[in-house]
């Protein structure tokens, strides 16, 4: 249980996910050995990076052997 001091530093958030999204989250959690909370934080960080890149006119591109495979785009 969180102490009064630490409780002020965190917020509880509840999400409603489709069965498919929940299954993907559970599978990713098992595959990566990370909690669902850790995966959410990781995803939030990646979205933040992608949005910042878009604001700066940059692109995030996944490459294989130096060749573009796909681009990560966050719709505005």
PDB file of N, CA and C in Angstrom:
ATOM      1  N   UNK A   1       0.839  -1.185   0.000  1.00  0.00           N
ATOM      2  CA  UNK A   1       0.000   0.000   0.000  1.00  0.00           C
ATOM      3  C   UNK A   1       0.877   1.240   0.000  1.00  0.00           C
ATOM      4  N   UNK A   2       0.493   2.245  -0.755  1.00  0.00           N
ATOM      5  CA  UNK A   2       1.270   3.469  -0.868  1.00  0.00           C
ATOM      6  C   UNK A   2       1.149   4.300   0.403  1.00  0.00           C
ATOM      7  N   UNK A   3       2.250   4.932   0.776  1.00  0.00           N
ATOM      8  CA  UNK A   3       2.204   5.840   1.912  1.00  0.00           C
ATOM      9  C   UNK A   3       1.562   7.138   1.465  1.00  0.00           C
ATOM     10  N   UNK A   4       1.210   7.983   2.416  1.00  0.00           N
ATOM     11  CA  UNK A   4       0.585   9.268   2.077  1.00  0.00           C
ATOM     12  C   UNK A   4       1.500  10.110   1.194  1.00  0.00           C
ATOM     13  N   UNK A   5       2.802  10.101   1.469  1.00  0.00           N
ATOM     14  CA  UNK A   5       3.735  10.899   0.671  1.00  0.00           C
ATOM     15  C   UNK A   5       3.821  10.382  -0.754  1.00  0.00           C
ATOM     16  N   UNK A   6       3.930   9.057  -0.913  1.00  0.00           N
ATOM     17  CA  UNK A   6       4.056   8.513  -2.263  1.00  0.00           C
ATOM     18  C   UNK A   6       2.729   8.529  -2.999  1.00  0.00           C
ATOM     19  N   UNK A   7       1.605   8.451  -2.288  1.00  0.00           N
ATOM     20  CA  UNK A   7       0.290   8.471  -2.935  1.00  0.00           C
ATOM     21  C   UNK A   7       0.059   9.778  -3.671  1.00  0.00           C
ATOM     22  N   UNK A   8       0.636  10.861  -3.190  1.00  0.00           N
ATOM     23  CA  UNK A   8       0.469  12.153  -3.841  1.00  0.00           C
ATOM     24  C   UNK A   8       1.230  12.234  -5.159  1.00  0.00           C
ATOM     25  N   UNK A   9       2.175  11.322  -5.364  1.00  0.00           N
ATOM     26  CA  UNK A   9       3.018  11.359  -6.557  1.00  0.00           C
ATOM     27  C   UNK A   9       2.521  10.463  -7.680  1.00  0.00           C
ATOM     28  N   UNK A  10       1.488   9.669  -7.434  1.00  0.00           N
ATOM     29  CA  UNK A  10       0.978   8.755  -8.449  1.00  0.00           C
ATOM     30  C   UNK A  10      -0.517   8.943  -8.620  1.00  0.00           C
ATOM     31  N   UNK A  11      -1.003   8.585  -9.780  1.00  0.00           N
ATOM     32  CA  UNK A  11      -2.435   8.633 -10.083  1.00  0.00           C
ATOM     33  C   UNK A  11      -2.857   7.284 -10.624  1.00  0.00           C
ATOM     34  N   UNK A  12      -4.009   6.823 -10.222  1.00  0.00           N
ATOM     35  CA  UNK A  12      -4.564   5.581 -10.740  1.00  0.00           C
ATOM     36  C   UNK A  12      -5.435   5.941 -11.943  1.00  0.00           C
ATOM     37  N   UNK A  13      -5.261   5.173 -13.028  1.00  0.00           N
ATOM     38  CA  UNK A  13      -6.032   5.377 -14.246  1.00  0.00           C
ATOM     39  C   UNK A  13      -6.598   4.030 -14.674  1.00  0.00           C
ATOM     40  N   UNK A  14      -7.864   4.006 -15.044  1.00  0.00           N
ATOM     41  CA  UNK A  14      -8.494   2.777 -15.536  1.00  0.00           C
ATOM     42  C   UNK A  14      -8.797   2.930 -17.016  1.00  0.00           C
ATOM     43  N   UNK A  15      -8.586   1.870 -17.780  1.00  0.00           N
ATOM     44  CA  UNK A  15      -8.850   1.868 -19.207  1.00  0.00           C
ATOM     45  C   UNK A  15      -9.822   0.756 -19.549  1.00  0.00           C
ATOM     46  N   UNK A  16     -10.614   0.986 -20.551  1.00  0.00           N
ATOM     47  CA  UNK A  16     -11.462  -0.065 -21.104  1.00  0.00           C
ATOM     48  C   UNK A  16     -10.826  -0.478 -22.423  1.00  0.00           C
ATOM     49  N   UNK A  17     -10.470  -1.759 -22.533  1.00  0.00           N
ATOM     50  CA  UNK A  17      -9.841  -2.285 -23.736  1.00  0.00           C
ATOM     51  C   UNK A  17     -10.736  -3.339 -24.367  1.00  0.00           C
ATOM     52  N   UNK A  18     -10.662  -3.438 -25.672  1.00  0.00           N
ATOM     53  CA  UNK A  18     -11.344  -4.537 -26.352  1.00  0.00           C
ATOM     54  C   UNK A  18     -10.661  -5.842 -25.946  1.00  0.00           C
ATOM     55  N   UNK A  19     -11.331  -6.954 -26.172  1.00  0.00           N
ATOM     56  CA  UNK A  19     -10.734  -8.255 -25.867  1.00  0.00           C
ATOM     57  C   UNK A  19      -9.422  -8.426 -26.627  1.00  0.00           C
ATOM     58  N   UNK A  20      -9.411  -7.992 -27.875  1.00  0.00           N
ATOM     59  CA  UNK A  20      -8.210  -8.140 -28.705  1.00  0.00           C
ATOM     60  C   UNK A  20      -7.047  -7.304 -28.157  1.00  0.00           C
ATOM     61  N   UNK A  21      -7.329  -6.046 -27.810  1.00  0.00           N
ATOM     62  CA  UNK A  21      -6.272  -5.185 -27.279  1.00  0.00           C
ATOM     63  C   UNK A  21      -5.748  -5.725 -25.957  1.00  0.00           C
ATOM     64  N   UNK A  22      -6.646  -6.238 -25.113  1.00  0.00           N
ATOM     65  CA  UNK A  22      -6.224  -6.804 -23.841  1.00  0.00           C
ATOM     66  C   UNK A  22      -5.358  -8.042 -24.065  1.00  0.00           C
ATOM     67  N   UNK A  23      -5.756  -8.889 -25.001  1.00  0.00           N
ATOM     68  CA  UNK A  23      -4.975 -10.093 -25.306  1.00  0.00           C
ATOM     69  C   UNK A  23      -3.584  -9.716 -25.816  1.00  0.00           C
ATOM     70  N   UNK A  24      -3.498  -8.675 -26.649  1.00  0.00           N
ATOM     71  CA  UNK A  24      -2.201  -8.226 -27.153  1.00  0.00           C
ATOM     72  C   UNK A  24      -1.339  -7.684 -26.023  1.00  0.00           C
ATOM     73  N   UNK A  25      -1.960  -6.947 -25.105  1.00  0.00           N
ATOM     74  CA  UNK A  25      -1.230  -6.399 -23.966  1.00  0.00           C
ATOM     75  C   UNK A  25      -0.700  -7.524 -23.077  1.00  0.00           C
ATOM     76  N   UNK A  26      -1.522  -8.505 -22.810  1.00  0.00           N
ATOM     77  CA  UNK A  26      -1.096  -9.654 -22.000  1.00  0.00           C
ATOM     78  C   UNK A  26       0.038 -10.401 -22.700  1.00  0.00           C
ATOM     79  N   UNK A  27      -0.102 -10.630 -23.998  1.00  0.00           N
ATOM     80  CA  UNK A  27       0.935 -11.342 -24.753  1.00  0.00           C
ATOM     81  C   UNK A  27       2.256 -10.571 -24.741  1.00  0.00           C
ATOM     82  N   UNK A  28       2.184  -9.248 -24.950  1.00  0.00           N
ATOM     83  CA  UNK A  28       3.402  -8.432 -24.922  1.00  0.00           C
ATOM     84  C   UNK A  28       4.030  -8.426 -23.530  1.00  0.00           C
ATOM     85  N   UNK A  29       3.190  -8.420 -22.515  1.00  0.00           N
ATOM     86  CA  UNK A  29       3.679  -8.457 -21.143  1.00  0.00           C
ATOM     87  C   UNK A  29       4.462  -9.737 -20.888  1.00  0.00           C
ATOM     88  N   UNK A  30       3.915 -10.862 -21.333  1.00  0.00           N
ATOM     89  CA  UNK A  30       4.604 -12.144 -21.161  1.00  0.00           C
ATOM     90  C   UNK A  30       5.872 -12.210 -21.998  1.00  0.00           C
ATOM     91  N   UNK A  31       5.780 -11.760 -23.246  1.00  0.00           N
ATOM     92  CA  UNK A  31       6.935 -11.828 -24.159  1.00  0.00           C
ATOM     93  C   UNK A  31       8.112 -10.989 -23.662  1.00  0.00           C
ATOM     94  N   UNK A  32       7.806  -9.810 -23.111  1.00  0.00           N
ATOM     95  CA  UNK A  32       8.859  -8.880 -22.697  1.00  0.00           C
ATOM     96  C   UNK A  32       9.198  -8.971 -21.220  1.00  0.00           C
ATOM     97  N   UNK A  33       8.410  -9.767 -20.480  1.00  0.00           N
ATOM     98  CA  UNK A  33       8.587  -9.879 -19.032  1.00  0.00           C
ATOM     99  C   UNK A  33       8.474  -8.507 -18.362  1.00  0.00           C
ATOM    100  N   UNK A  34       7.527  -7.703 -18.829  1.00  0.00           N
ATOM    101  CA  UNK A  34       7.243  -6.382 -18.252  1.00  0.00           C
ATOM    102  C   UNK A  34       5.793  -6.351 -17.811  1.00  0.00           C
ATOM    103  N   UNK A  35       5.513  -5.520 -16.843  1.00  0.00           N
ATOM    104  CA  UNK A  35       4.124  -5.378 -16.405  1.00  0.00           C
ATOM    105  C   UNK A  35       3.340  -4.575 -17.441  1.00  0.00           C
ATOM    106  N   UNK A  36       2.027  -4.675 -17.354  1.00  0.00           N
ATOM    107  CA  UNK A  36       1.181  -3.885 -18.256  1.00  0.00           C
ATOM    108  C   UNK A  36       1.422  -2.399 -18.031  1.00  0.00           C
ATOM    109  N   UNK A  37       1.663  -2.003 -16.793  1.00  0.00           N
ATOM    110  CA  UNK A  37       1.964  -0.600 -16.492  1.00  0.00           C
ATOM    111  C   UNK A  37       3.260  -0.168 -17.157  1.00  0.00           C
ATOM    112  N   UNK A  38       4.283  -1.024 -17.088  1.00  0.00           N
ATOM    113  CA  UNK A  38       5.558  -0.696 -17.743  1.00  0.00           C
ATOM    114  C   UNK A  38       5.372  -0.551 -19.249  1.00  0.00           C
ATOM    115  N   UNK A  39       4.580  -1.430 -19.849  1.00  0.00           N
ATOM    116  CA  UNK A  39       4.329  -1.335 -21.287  1.00  0.00           C
ATOM    117  C   UNK A  39       3.587  -0.054 -21.634  1.00  0.00           C
ATOM    118  N   UNK A  40       2.624   0.330 -20.799  1.00  0.00           N
ATOM    119  CA  UNK A  40       1.910   1.584 -21.037  1.00  0.00           C
ATOM    120  C   UNK A  40       2.879   2.764 -20.992  1.00  0.00           C
ATOM    121  N   UNK A  41       3.735   2.788 -19.977  1.00  0.00           N
ATOM    122  CA  UNK A  41       4.707   3.887 -19.856  1.00  0.00           C
ATOM    123  C   UNK A  41       5.659   3.917 -21.048  1.00  0.00           C
ATOM    124  N   UNK A  42       6.098   2.739 -21.488  1.00  0.00           N
ATOM    125  CA  UNK A  42       6.971   2.656 -22.650  1.00  0.00           C
ATOM    126  C   UNK A  42       6.267   3.196 -23.890  1.00  0.00           C
ATOM    127  N   UNK A  43       5.026   2.771 -24.094  1.00  0.00           N
ATOM    128  CA  UNK A  43       4.249   3.246 -25.243  1.00  0.00           C
ATOM    129  C   UNK A  43       4.038   4.746 -25.199  1.00  0.00           C
ATOM    130  N   UNK A  44       3.738   5.270 -24.021  1.00  0.00           N
ATOM    131  CA  UNK A  44       3.550   6.717 -23.870  1.00  0.00           C
ATOM    132  C   UNK A  44       4.826   7.463 -24.241  1.00  0.00           C
ATOM    133  N   UNK A  45       5.964   6.924 -23.806  1.00  0.00           N
ATOM    134  CA  UNK A  45       7.242   7.548 -24.157  1.00  0.00           C
ATOM    135  C   UNK A  45       7.511   7.519 -25.647  1.00  0.00           C
ATOM    136  N   UNK A  46       7.165   6.416 -26.302  1.00  0.00           N
ATOM    137  CA  UNK A  46       7.369   6.316 -27.751  1.00  0.00           C
ATOM    138  C   UNK A  46       6.458   7.276 -28.509  1.00  0.00           C
ATOM    139  N   UNK A  47       5.221   7.423 -28.063  1.00  0.00           N
ATOM    140  CA  UNK A  47       4.304   8.369 -28.700  1.00  0.00           C
ATOM    141  C   UNK A  47       4.832   9.790 -28.527  1.00  0.00           C
ATOM    142  N   UNK A  48       5.336  10.099 -27.348  1.00  0.00           N
ATOM    143  CA  UNK A  48       5.892  11.434 -27.102  1.00  0.00           C
ATOM    144  C   UNK A  48       7.043  11.736 -28.056  1.00  0.00           C
ATOM    145  N   UNK A  49       7.931  10.754 -28.244  1.00  0.00           N
ATOM    146  CA  UNK A  49       9.059  10.924 -29.170  1.00  0.00           C
ATOM    147  C   UNK A  49       8.556  11.126 -30.601  1.00  0.00           C
ATOM    148  N   UNK A  50       7.571  10.330 -31.018  1.00  0.00           N
ATOM    149  CA  UNK A  50       7.040  10.432 -32.383  1.00  0.00           C
ATOM    150  C   UNK A  50       6.371  11.783 -32.614  1.00  0.00           C
ATOM    151  N   UNK A  51       5.615  12.267 -31.641  1.00  0.00           N
ATOM    152  CA  UNK A  51       4.953  13.567 -31.790  1.00  0.00           C
ATOM    153  C   UNK A  51       5.967  14.707 -31.841  1.00  0.00           C
ATOM    154  N   UNK A  52       6.999  14.621 -31.016  1.00  0.00           N
ATOM    155  CA  UNK A  52       8.042  15.644 -31.027  1.00  0.00           C
ATOM    156  C   UNK A  52       8.766  15.651 -32.378  1.00  0.00           C
ATOM    157  N   UNK A  53       9.043  14.464 -32.909  1.00  0.00           N
ATOM    158  CA  UNK A  53       9.693  14.373 -34.216  1.00  0.00           C
ATOM    159  C   UNK A  53       8.820  15.005 -35.292  1.00  0.00           C
ATOM    160  N   UNK A  54       7.522  14.713 -35.267  1.00  0.00           N
ATOM    161  CA  UNK A  54       6.606  15.269 -36.265  1.00  0.00           C
ATOM    162  C   UNK A  54       6.556  16.793 -36.163  1.00  0.00           C
ATOM    163  N   UNK A  55       6.524  17.311 -34.926  1.00  0.00           N
ATOM    164  CA  UNK A  55       6.500  18.776 -34.736  1.00  0.00           C
ATOM    165  C   UNK A  55       7.747  19.421 -35.317  1.00  0.00           C
ATOM    166  N   UNK A  56       8.871  18.702 -35.275  1.00  0.00           N
ATOM    167  CA  UNK A  56      10.135  19.234 -35.791  1.00  0.00           C
ATOM    168  C   UNK A  56      10.331  18.950 -37.279  1.00  0.00           C
ATOM    169  N   UNK A  57       9.327  18.333 -37.894  1.00  0.00           N
ATOM    170  CA  UNK A  57       9.433  18.020 -39.315  1.00  0.00           C
ATOM    171  C   UNK A  57      10.263  16.781 -39.596  1.00  0.00           C
ATOM    172  N   UNK A  58      10.547  16.003 -38.554  1.00  0.00           N
ATOM    173  CA  UNK A  58      11.334  14.779 -38.707  1.00  0.00           C
ATOM    174  C   UNK A  58      10.411  13.580 -38.891  1.00  0.00           C
ATOM    175  N   UNK A  59      10.998  12.453 -39.273  1.00  0.00           N
ATOM    176  CA  UNK A  59      10.258  11.205 -39.439  1.00  0.00           C
ATOM    177  C   UNK A  59      10.964  10.110 -38.660  1.00  0.00           C
ATOM    178  N   UNK A  60      10.198   9.150 -38.184  1.00  0.00           N
ATOM    179  CA  UNK A  60      10.773   7.977 -37.526  1.00  0.00           C
ATOM    180  C   UNK A  60      10.582   6.809 -38.482  1.00  0.00           C
ATOM    181  N   UNK A  61      11.701   6.226 -38.901  1.00  0.00           N
ATOM    182  CA  UNK A  61      11.665   5.176 -39.907  1.00  0.00           C
ATOM    183  C   UNK A  61      12.367   3.935 -39.355  1.00  0.00           C
ATOM    184  N   UNK A  62      11.724   2.788 -39.525  1.00  0.00           N
ATOM    185  CA  UNK A  62      12.326   1.508 -39.163  1.00  0.00           C
ATOM    186  C   UNK A  62      13.090   1.028 -40.385  1.00  0.00           C
ATOM    187  N   UNK A  63      14.336   0.622 -40.152  1.00  0.00           N
ATOM    188  CA  UNK A  63      15.153   0.150 -41.275  1.00  0.00           C
ATOM    189  C   UNK A  63      15.647  -1.264 -41.025  1.00  0.00           C
ATOM    190  N   UNK A  64      15.972  -1.935 -42.106  1.00  0.00           N
ATOM    191  CA  UNK A  64      16.621  -3.249 -42.049  1.00  0.00           C
ATOM    192  C   UNK A  64      17.767  -3.198 -43.037  1.00  0.00           C
ATOM    193  N   UNK A  65      18.961  -3.429 -42.537  1.00  0.00           N
ATOM    194  CA  UNK A  65      20.165  -3.350 -43.367  1.00  0.00           C
ATOM    195  C   UNK A  65      20.251  -2.011 -44.082  1.00  0.00           C
ATOM    196  N   UNK A  66      19.860  -0.949 -43.384  1.00  0.00           N
ATOM    197  CA  UNK A  66      19.947   0.396 -43.939  1.00  0.00           C
ATOM    198  C   UNK A  66      18.822   0.774 -44.891  1.00  0.00           C
ATOM    199  N   UNK A  67      17.911  -0.145 -45.149  1.00  0.00           N
ATOM    200  CA  UNK A  67      16.808   0.121 -46.066  1.00  0.00           C
ATOM    201  C   UNK A  67      15.519   0.366 -45.277  1.00  0.00           C
ATOM    202  N   UNK A  68      14.755   1.406 -45.619  1.00  0.00           N
ATOM    203  CA  UNK A  68      13.499   1.671 -44.908  1.00  0.00           C
ATOM    204  C   UNK A  68      12.522   0.508 -45.048  1.00  0.00           C
ATOM    205  N   UNK A  69      11.907   0.117 -43.948  1.00  0.00           N
ATOM    206  CA  UNK A  69      10.921  -0.952 -43.945  1.00  0.00           C
ATOM    207  C   UNK A  69       9.540  -0.363 -43.693  1.00  0.00           C
ATOM    208  N   UNK A  70       9.458   0.540 -42.730  1.00  0.00           N
ATOM    209  CA  UNK A  70       8.183   1.215 -42.435  1.00  0.00           C
ATOM    210  C   UNK A  70       8.451   2.511 -41.706  1.00  0.00           C
ATOM    211  N   UNK A  71       7.485   3.388 -41.767  1.00  0.00           N
ATOM    212  CA  UNK A  71       7.561   4.665 -41.078  1.00  0.00           C
ATOM    213  C   UNK A  71       6.514   4.678 -39.959  1.00  0.00           C
ATOM    214  N   UNK A  72       6.913   5.197 -38.811  1.00  0.00           N
ATOM    215  CA  UNK A  72       5.984   5.318 -37.689  1.00  0.00           C
ATOM    216  C   UNK A  72       5.345   6.691 -37.755  1.00  0.00           C
ATOM    217  N   UNK A  73       4.032   6.708 -37.943  1.00  0.00           N
ATOM    218  CA  UNK A  73       3.290   7.966 -38.077  1.00  0.00           C
ATOM    219  C   UNK A  73       2.207   8.003 -37.022  1.00  0.00           C
ATOM    220  N   UNK A  74       2.149   9.082 -36.265  1.00  0.00           N
ATOM    221  CA  UNK A  74       1.078   9.295 -35.303  1.00  0.00           C
ATOM    222  C   UNK A  74       0.091  10.260 -35.953  1.00  0.00           C
ATOM    223  N   UNK A  75      -1.124   9.802 -36.262  1.00  0.00           N
ATOM    224  CA  UNK A  75      -2.106  10.700 -36.891  1.00  0.00           C
ATOM    225  C   UNK A  75      -2.389  11.906 -36.000  1.00  0.00           C
ATOM    226  N   UNK A  76      -2.573  13.036 -36.650  1.00  0.00           N
ATOM    227  CA  UNK A  76      -2.877  14.253 -35.863  1.00  0.00           C
ATOM    228  C   UNK A  76      -4.360  14.493 -35.779  1.00  0.00           C
TER     229      UNK A  76
END
